[in-house]
Structure formats: structure tokens, C-alpha cells
Amino acid sequence: MKKLGLIIAVIAILAVAGCASSGGGANAAPDIGNEWTLDFVRIADASWSDGDMRSMNPPAEVAAAVDNPNGGKDFTFTMYNQRIIFGLSRAQIAKVRAANTVDVIIDGESSGTNNFRYHIGDPDAGENWNATASFDPAPFSSILTQTLRIDKSRPERVRALMIQSRGRNTGDPFTQEVVTIRSITFICK
């Protein structure tokens, strides 16, 4: 009986040690590899906003999303600085935090020529929300593939991919634009 108890104790110690050293356990994120396609199940329905329509801060209203009959979603932008917010899973956050860069490849198009940009960051932060270096806003069709450099000093900011219309103050006249996105692929390097 003592031997059985000792064997069970040794197995328990090895199991705990194995989980601790491998990152396993109930709360560990699964290994998803370094390349994946974002799903559309974590799209936020509201954005952080200071409510100032005379600034270039985002409005609370996100671009409205509807299913596209040919796959993906159509997002209708109705004002400057409006965003689409794709929340990342725990496993995706872990991979992005570990990477130096992320290649973002969007299969999509838009109906207009407004300028857009995208970043990985914290959509709920009012300032210093970025976890990636910026690039100049440009028409959507010209930013379908970008390499984002991860700011290693801000790992806590890695929470979501945000696509944002840019150009002027939020309340300024804006020509509505529909952005169709069929898929977004991340390649972590």
C-alpha cells in the first residue's frame, strides 16, 4: 500500500512539474502555430471614444458589419476615425507578443478612396494604445499587405487588430465607404 501511495505521489509531482515547465495546464493558450486566419467572432460592437467630434479620436460607433453573400463581411464606414475592432484570442495574443513582426494579409476591397490604417493594440485605451509601429494612412486597396513591427515595451497593449478610417476630424463631412473583408491572415515572425 505504501508503494502505491509513493507511486501516485511521484506521478502527481511529475505531472505538475511537466505542466509547469511546458506551459501546460488549464489556463495555457493552445499552440496555434505562427500563421493563422482571424475569425470574425470577436468583432467589437463599440469603440472607446472621448466623444469629441472635433478631434481625430475614434467615435463610439464602429463600422457596421453585415455578412457578404460571397463570403466575409461588409463594413460600412460613415465617418472619419471609425474603426473595426477584431479581438484576438489568448493564443493569438501570446503569438503576437512573442513575435518581432506580424505580416497582415487582407483579402478584401473597398468601394471608395478614403484613407485607412491598421494597428495591433488596446482598443479601450484612450492614449498610448498602440502595440505596433504606425504606417501612413492610404486607400484601403493599397494597405492589404503590411508588416507590423511589435513594440516589445508594450506587451499588455496586444489585444486586437483595429482597422480605422483616417483623414480629418471625426465630425467632418465623410463620403461613406464599404470595406469588404473576406479574410485576414497573420504571419508572426
C-alpha atoms as a PDB file:
ATOM      1  CA  MET A   1       0.000   0.000   0.000  1.00  0.00           C
ATOM      2  CA  LYS A   2       2.889   2.360   0.785  1.00  0.00           C
ATOM      3  CA  LYS A   3       4.407   1.635  -2.637  1.00  0.00           C
ATOM      4  CA  LEU A   4       1.131   2.523  -4.377  1.00  0.00           C
ATOM      5  CA  GLY A   5       0.926   5.785  -2.436  1.00  0.00           C
ATOM      6  CA  LEU A   6       4.539   6.596  -3.296  1.00  0.00           C
ATOM      7  CA  ILE A   7       3.969   5.838  -6.986  1.00  0.00           C
ATOM      8  CA  ILE A   8       0.878   8.059  -7.076  1.00  0.00           C
ATOM      9  CA  ALA A   9       2.792  10.860  -5.341  1.00  0.00           C
ATOM     10  CA  VAL A  10       5.675  10.605  -7.836  1.00  0.00           C
ATOM     11  CA  ILE A  11       3.261  10.621 -10.793  1.00  0.00           C
ATOM     12  CA  ALA A  12       1.499  13.677  -9.372  1.00  0.00           C
ATOM     13  CA  ILE A  13       4.802  15.526  -8.899  1.00  0.00           C
ATOM     14  CA  LEU A  14       5.906  14.679 -12.439  1.00  0.00           C
ATOM     15  CA  ALA A  15       2.559  15.759 -13.874  1.00  0.00           C
ATOM     16  CA  VAL A  16       2.676  19.118 -12.072  1.00  0.00           C
ATOM     17  CA  ALA A  17       6.329  19.659 -12.977  1.00  0.00           C
ATOM     18  CA  GLY A  18       5.623  18.761 -16.603  1.00  0.00           C
ATOM     19  CA  CYS A  19       2.760  21.232 -16.823  1.00  0.00           C
ATOM     20  CA  ALA A  20       4.761  23.964 -15.138  1.00  0.00           C
ATOM     21  CA  SER A  21       7.765  23.556 -17.415  1.00  0.00           C
ATOM     22  CA  SER A  22       5.834  23.192 -20.662  1.00  0.00           C
ATOM     23  CA  GLY A  23       3.355  25.992 -20.063  1.00  0.00           C
ATOM     24  CA  GLY A  24       0.546  23.453 -19.964  1.00  0.00           C
ATOM     25  CA  GLY A  25      -2.385  23.419 -17.640  1.00  0.00           C
ATOM     26  CA  ALA A  26      -5.966  24.572 -17.776  1.00  0.00           C
ATOM     27  CA  ASN A  27      -5.190  28.247 -18.452  1.00  0.00           C
ATOM     28  CA  ALA A  28      -2.465  27.811 -21.074  1.00  0.00           C
ATOM     29  CA  ALA A  29      -3.198  29.012 -24.606  1.00  0.00           C
ATOM     30  CA  PRO A  30      -3.088  26.268 -27.245  1.00  0.00           C
ATOM     31  CA  ASP A  31      -0.249  26.363 -29.769  1.00  0.00           C
ATOM     32  CA  ILE A  32      -1.797  27.680 -32.982  1.00  0.00           C
ATOM     33  CA  GLY A  33       1.416  27.963 -34.982  1.00  0.00           C
ATOM     34  CA  ASN A  34       2.825  31.198 -36.360  1.00  0.00           C
ATOM     35  CA  GLU A  35       0.284  31.640 -39.168  1.00  0.00           C
ATOM     36  CA  TRP A  36      -3.482  31.799 -38.848  1.00  0.00           C
ATOM     37  CA  THR A  37      -6.601  33.454 -40.240  1.00  0.00           C
ATOM     38  CA  LEU A  38      -8.616  35.669 -37.908  1.00  0.00           C
ATOM     39  CA  ASP A  39     -12.164  34.566 -37.321  1.00  0.00           C
ATOM     40  CA  PHE A  40     -14.971  37.098 -37.235  1.00  0.00           C
ATOM     41  CA  VAL A  41     -16.444  36.024 -33.872  1.00  0.00           C
ATOM     42  CA  ARG A  42     -14.641  38.639 -31.755  1.00  0.00           C
ATOM     43  CA  ILE A  43     -15.701  41.806 -33.609  1.00  0.00           C
ATOM     44  CA  ALA A  44     -16.385  44.559 -31.068  1.00  0.00           C
ATOM     45  CA  ASP A  45     -19.710  46.366 -31.262  1.00  0.00           C
ATOM     46  CA  ALA A  46     -18.446  49.637 -29.742  1.00  0.00           C
ATOM     47  CA  SER A  47     -15.220  51.609 -29.545  1.00  0.00           C
ATOM     48  CA  TRP A  48     -13.538  53.695 -26.886  1.00  0.00           C
ATOM     49  CA  SER A  49     -14.331  57.364 -27.514  1.00  0.00           C
ATOM     50  CA  ASP A  50     -13.868  60.679 -25.761  1.00  0.00           C
ATOM     51  CA  GLY A  51     -16.990  61.928 -27.565  1.00  0.00           C
ATOM     52  CA  ASP A  52     -15.168  64.885 -29.134  1.00  0.00           C
ATOM     53  CA  MET A  53     -16.310  65.071 -32.753  1.00  0.00           C
ATOM     54  CA  ARG A  54     -13.825  67.919 -33.367  1.00  0.00           C
ATOM     55  CA  SER A  55     -10.838  65.620 -32.746  1.00  0.00           C
ATOM     56  CA  MET A  56      -9.219  62.745 -34.602  1.00  0.00           C
ATOM     57  CA  ASN A  57     -10.120  60.331 -31.801  1.00  0.00           C
ATOM     58  CA  PRO A  58     -12.444  57.450 -32.704  1.00  0.00           C
ATOM     59  CA  PRO A  59     -16.203  57.720 -32.297  1.00  0.00           C
ATOM     60  CA  ALA A  60     -18.030  55.155 -30.150  1.00  0.00           C
ATOM     61  CA  GLU A  61     -19.788  53.778 -33.227  1.00  0.00           C
ATOM     62  CA  VAL A  62     -17.835  51.080 -35.029  1.00  0.00           C
ATOM     63  CA  ALA A  63     -18.279  50.399 -38.750  1.00  0.00           C
ATOM     64  CA  ALA A  64     -21.497  48.411 -39.147  1.00  0.00           C
ATOM     65  CA  ALA A  65     -20.923  44.810 -40.273  1.00  0.00           C
ATOM     66  CA  VAL A  66     -23.149  42.577 -42.404  1.00  0.00           C
ATOM     67  CA  ASP A  67     -22.439  39.217 -43.993  1.00  0.00           C
ATOM     68  CA  ASN A  68     -21.316  39.429 -47.621  1.00  0.00           C
ATOM     69  CA  PRO A  69     -23.145  36.845 -49.792  1.00  0.00           C
ATOM     70  CA  ASN A  70     -19.805  35.942 -51.421  1.00  0.00           C
ATOM     71  CA  GLY A  71     -18.079  35.335 -48.083  1.00  0.00           C
ATOM     72  CA  GLY A  72     -16.655  37.506 -45.352  1.00  0.00           C
ATOM     73  CA  LYS A  73     -18.237  40.727 -44.158  1.00  0.00           C
ATOM     74  CA  ASP A  74     -19.036  44.189 -45.472  1.00  0.00           C
ATOM     75  CA  PHE A  75     -18.164  47.008 -43.066  1.00  0.00           C
ATOM     76  CA  THR A  76     -19.805  50.401 -43.672  1.00  0.00           C
ATOM     77  CA  PHE A  77     -17.708  53.385 -42.609  1.00  0.00           C
ATOM     78  CA  THR A  78     -19.762  56.552 -42.140  1.00  0.00           C
ATOM     79  CA  MET A  79     -17.240  58.912 -40.513  1.00  0.00           C
ATOM     80  CA  TYR A  80     -13.558  59.642 -40.102  1.00  0.00           C
ATOM     81  CA  ASN A  81     -11.647  57.732 -37.421  1.00  0.00           C
ATOM     82  CA  GLN A  82     -14.298  54.998 -37.221  1.00  0.00           C
ATOM     83  CA  ARG A  83     -12.894  51.543 -36.519  1.00  0.00           C
ATOM     84  CA  ILE A  84     -13.404  47.829 -36.934  1.00  0.00           C
ATOM     85  CA  ILE A  85     -12.055  46.012 -33.889  1.00  0.00           C
ATOM     86  CA  PHE A  86     -11.102  42.348 -34.231  1.00  0.00           C
ATOM     87  CA  GLY A  87     -10.419  40.957 -30.758  1.00  0.00           C
ATOM     88  CA  LEU A  88      -7.597  38.418 -30.543  1.00  0.00           C
ATOM     89  CA  SER A  89      -7.814  35.094 -28.695  1.00  0.00           C
ATOM     90  CA  ARG A  90      -5.427  34.249 -25.831  1.00  0.00           C
ATOM     91  CA  ALA A  91      -3.408  32.032 -28.169  1.00  0.00           C
ATOM     92  CA  GLN A  92      -3.196  34.781 -30.819  1.00  0.00           C
ATOM     93  CA  ILE A  93      -2.168  37.366 -28.224  1.00  0.00           C
ATOM     94  CA  ALA A  94       0.596  35.051 -26.980  1.00  0.00           C
ATOM     95  CA  LYS A  95       1.932  34.530 -30.518  1.00  0.00           C
ATOM     96  CA  VAL A  96       1.872  38.257 -31.366  1.00  0.00           C
ATOM     97  CA  ARG A  97       3.621  39.145 -28.086  1.00  0.00           C
ATOM     98  CA  ALA A  98       6.371  36.619 -28.870  1.00  0.00           C
ATOM     99  CA  ALA A  99       6.878  37.900 -32.438  1.00  0.00           C
ATOM    100  CA  ASN A 100       9.094  40.749 -33.628  1.00  0.00           C
ATOM    101  CA  THR A 101       6.883  41.443 -36.634  1.00  0.00           C
ATOM    102  CA  VAL A 102       3.493  40.347 -37.940  1.00  0.00           C
ATOM    103  CA  ASP A 103       2.671  40.220 -41.635  1.00  0.00           C
ATOM    104  CA  VAL A 104      -1.000  41.116 -42.040  1.00  0.00           C
ATOM    105  CA  ILE A 105      -2.582  39.973 -45.316  1.00  0.00           C
ATOM    106  CA  ILE A 106      -6.149  41.095 -46.035  1.00  0.00           C
ATOM    107  CA  ASP A 107      -8.280  39.535 -48.755  1.00  0.00           C
ATOM    108  CA  GLY A 108     -10.683  42.372 -49.452  1.00  0.00           C
ATOM    109  CA  GLU A 109     -11.548  45.590 -51.262  1.00  0.00           C
ATOM    110  CA  SER A 110     -13.420  48.826 -50.752  1.00  0.00           C
ATOM    111  CA  SER A 111     -15.951  50.969 -52.574  1.00  0.00           C
ATOM    112  CA  GLY A 112     -14.095  54.278 -52.257  1.00  0.00           C
ATOM    113  CA  THR A 113     -10.831  56.129 -51.801  1.00  0.00           C
ATOM    114  CA  ASN A 114     -10.850  57.219 -48.156  1.00  0.00           C
ATOM    115  CA  ASN A 115      -7.617  56.624 -46.256  1.00  0.00           C
ATOM    116  CA  PHE A 116      -7.252  53.793 -43.745  1.00  0.00           C
ATOM    117  CA  ARG A 117      -4.641  52.383 -41.404  1.00  0.00           C
ATOM    118  CA  TYR A 118      -4.498  49.434 -39.046  1.00  0.00           C
ATOM    119  CA  HIS A 119      -2.659  48.538 -35.883  1.00  0.00           C
ATOM    120  CA  ILE A 120      -2.493  45.938 -33.179  1.00  0.00           C
ATOM    121  CA  GLY A 121      -3.259  47.492 -29.821  1.00  0.00           C
ATOM    122  CA  ASP A 122      -5.676  48.032 -26.952  1.00  0.00           C
ATOM    123  CA  PRO A 123      -8.998  49.365 -28.261  1.00  0.00           C
ATOM    124  CA  ASP A 124     -10.063  50.502 -24.790  1.00  0.00           C
ATOM    125  CA  ALA A 125      -7.045  52.715 -24.088  1.00  0.00           C
ATOM    126  CA  GLY A 126      -7.583  56.419 -24.607  1.00  0.00           C
ATOM    127  CA  GLU A 127      -3.918  57.093 -25.268  1.00  0.00           C
ATOM    128  CA  ASN A 128      -0.743  55.129 -25.893  1.00  0.00           C
ATOM    129  CA  TRP A 129      -2.914  52.305 -27.192  1.00  0.00           C
ATOM    130  CA  ASN A 130      -0.548  51.081 -29.904  1.00  0.00           C
ATOM    131  CA  ALA A 131       1.404  47.837 -29.703  1.00  0.00           C
ATOM    132  CA  THR A 132       2.764  48.238 -33.252  1.00  0.00           C
ATOM    133  CA  ALA A 133       4.569  50.960 -35.172  1.00  0.00           C
ATOM    134  CA  SER A 134       2.412  53.153 -37.388  1.00  0.00           C
ATOM    135  CA  PHE A 135       2.282  53.490 -41.154  1.00  0.00           C
ATOM    136  CA  ASP A 136       0.818  56.359 -43.156  1.00  0.00           C
ATOM    137  CA  PRO A 137      -2.909  56.055 -43.890  1.00  0.00           C
ATOM    138  CA  ALA A 138      -3.692  55.232 -47.522  1.00  0.00           C
ATOM    139  CA  PRO A 139      -6.621  53.972 -49.635  1.00  0.00           C
ATOM    140  CA  PHE A 140      -7.714  50.542 -48.433  1.00  0.00           C
ATOM    141  CA  SER A 141      -6.636  48.769 -51.627  1.00  0.00           C
ATOM    142  CA  SER A 142      -3.025  49.861 -51.039  1.00  0.00           C
ATOM    143  CA  ILE A 143      -2.746  48.548 -47.459  1.00  0.00           C
ATOM    144  CA  LEU A 144      -3.929  44.974 -47.985  1.00  0.00           C
ATOM    145  CA  THR A 145      -0.488  43.647 -47.027  1.00  0.00           C
ATOM    146  CA  GLN A 146       1.603  45.299 -44.305  1.00  0.00           C
ATOM    147  CA  THR A 147       4.327  44.207 -41.931  1.00  0.00           C
ATOM    148  CA  LEU A 148       3.679  45.497 -38.417  1.00  0.00           C
ATOM    149  CA  ARG A 149       6.622  45.823 -36.008  1.00  0.00           C
ATOM    150  CA  ILE A 150       5.738  44.811 -32.434  1.00  0.00           C
ATOM    151  CA  ASP A 151       6.639  47.306 -29.686  1.00  0.00           C
ATOM    152  CA  LYS A 152       8.201  44.947 -27.121  1.00  0.00           C
ATOM    153  CA  SER A 153       7.854  47.571 -24.371  1.00  0.00           C
ATOM    154  CA  ARG A 154       4.028  47.325 -24.526  1.00  0.00           C
ATOM    155  CA  PRO A 155       3.025  43.652 -24.424  1.00  0.00           C
ATOM    156  CA  GLU A 156      -0.077  44.465 -22.370  1.00  0.00           C
ATOM    157  CA  ARG A 157      -1.408  46.501 -25.328  1.00  0.00           C
ATOM    158  CA  VAL A 158      -1.661  43.439 -27.616  1.00  0.00           C
ATOM    159  CA  ARG A 159      -5.415  42.802 -27.579  1.00  0.00           C
ATOM    160  CA  ALA A 160      -6.940  43.472 -31.006  1.00  0.00           C
ATOM    161  CA  LEU A 161      -6.418  44.369 -34.661  1.00  0.00           C
ATOM    162  CA  MET A 162      -8.059  47.709 -35.425  1.00  0.00           C
ATOM    163  CA  ILE A 163      -8.744  48.987 -38.936  1.00  0.00           C
ATOM    164  CA  GLN A 164      -9.519  52.715 -38.911  1.00  0.00           C
ATOM    165  CA  SER A 165     -10.590  55.319 -41.453  1.00  0.00           C
ATOM    166  CA  ARG A 166      -8.367  58.411 -41.252  1.00  0.00           C
ATOM    167  CA  GLY A 167      -8.179  61.884 -42.708  1.00  0.00           C
ATOM    168  CA  ARG A 168      -9.849  64.633 -40.726  1.00  0.00           C
ATOM    169  CA  ASN A 169     -11.781  65.313 -37.530  1.00  0.00           C
ATOM    170  CA  THR A 170     -14.421  62.706 -36.685  1.00  0.00           C
ATOM    171  CA  GLY A 171     -17.359  65.095 -37.208  1.00  0.00           C
ATOM    172  CA  ASP A 172     -16.180  66.472 -40.581  1.00  0.00           C
ATOM    173  CA  PRO A 173     -18.145  65.533 -43.736  1.00  0.00           C
ATOM    174  CA  PHE A 174     -17.234  61.998 -44.865  1.00  0.00           C
ATOM    175  CA  THR A 175     -18.072  60.030 -48.004  1.00  0.00           C
ATOM    176  CA  GLN A 176     -19.476  56.670 -46.863  1.00  0.00           C
ATOM    177  CA  GLU A 177     -17.336  53.693 -47.834  1.00  0.00           C
ATOM    178  CA  VAL A 178     -17.983  49.953 -47.704  1.00  0.00           C
ATOM    179  CA  VAL A 179     -14.958  47.774 -46.960  1.00  0.00           C
ATOM    180  CA  THR A 180     -15.333  44.093 -47.803  1.00  0.00           C
ATOM    181  CA  ILE A 181     -13.081  41.694 -45.908  1.00  0.00           C
ATOM    182  CA  ARG A 182     -13.116  38.005 -46.764  1.00  0.00           C
ATOM    183  CA  SER A 183     -10.152  37.047 -44.597  1.00  0.00           C
ATOM    184  CA  ILE A 184      -7.252  38.431 -42.567  1.00  0.00           C
ATOM    185  CA  THR A 185      -4.132  36.301 -42.238  1.00  0.00           C
ATOM    186  CA  PHE A 186      -1.455  36.863 -39.567  1.00  0.00           C
ATOM    187  CA  ILE A 187       2.086  35.545 -40.017  1.00  0.00           C
ATOM    188  CA  CYS A 188       4.172  36.026 -36.867  1.00  0.00           C
ATOM    189  CA  LYS A 189       7.940  36.257 -37.318  1.00  0.00           C
END
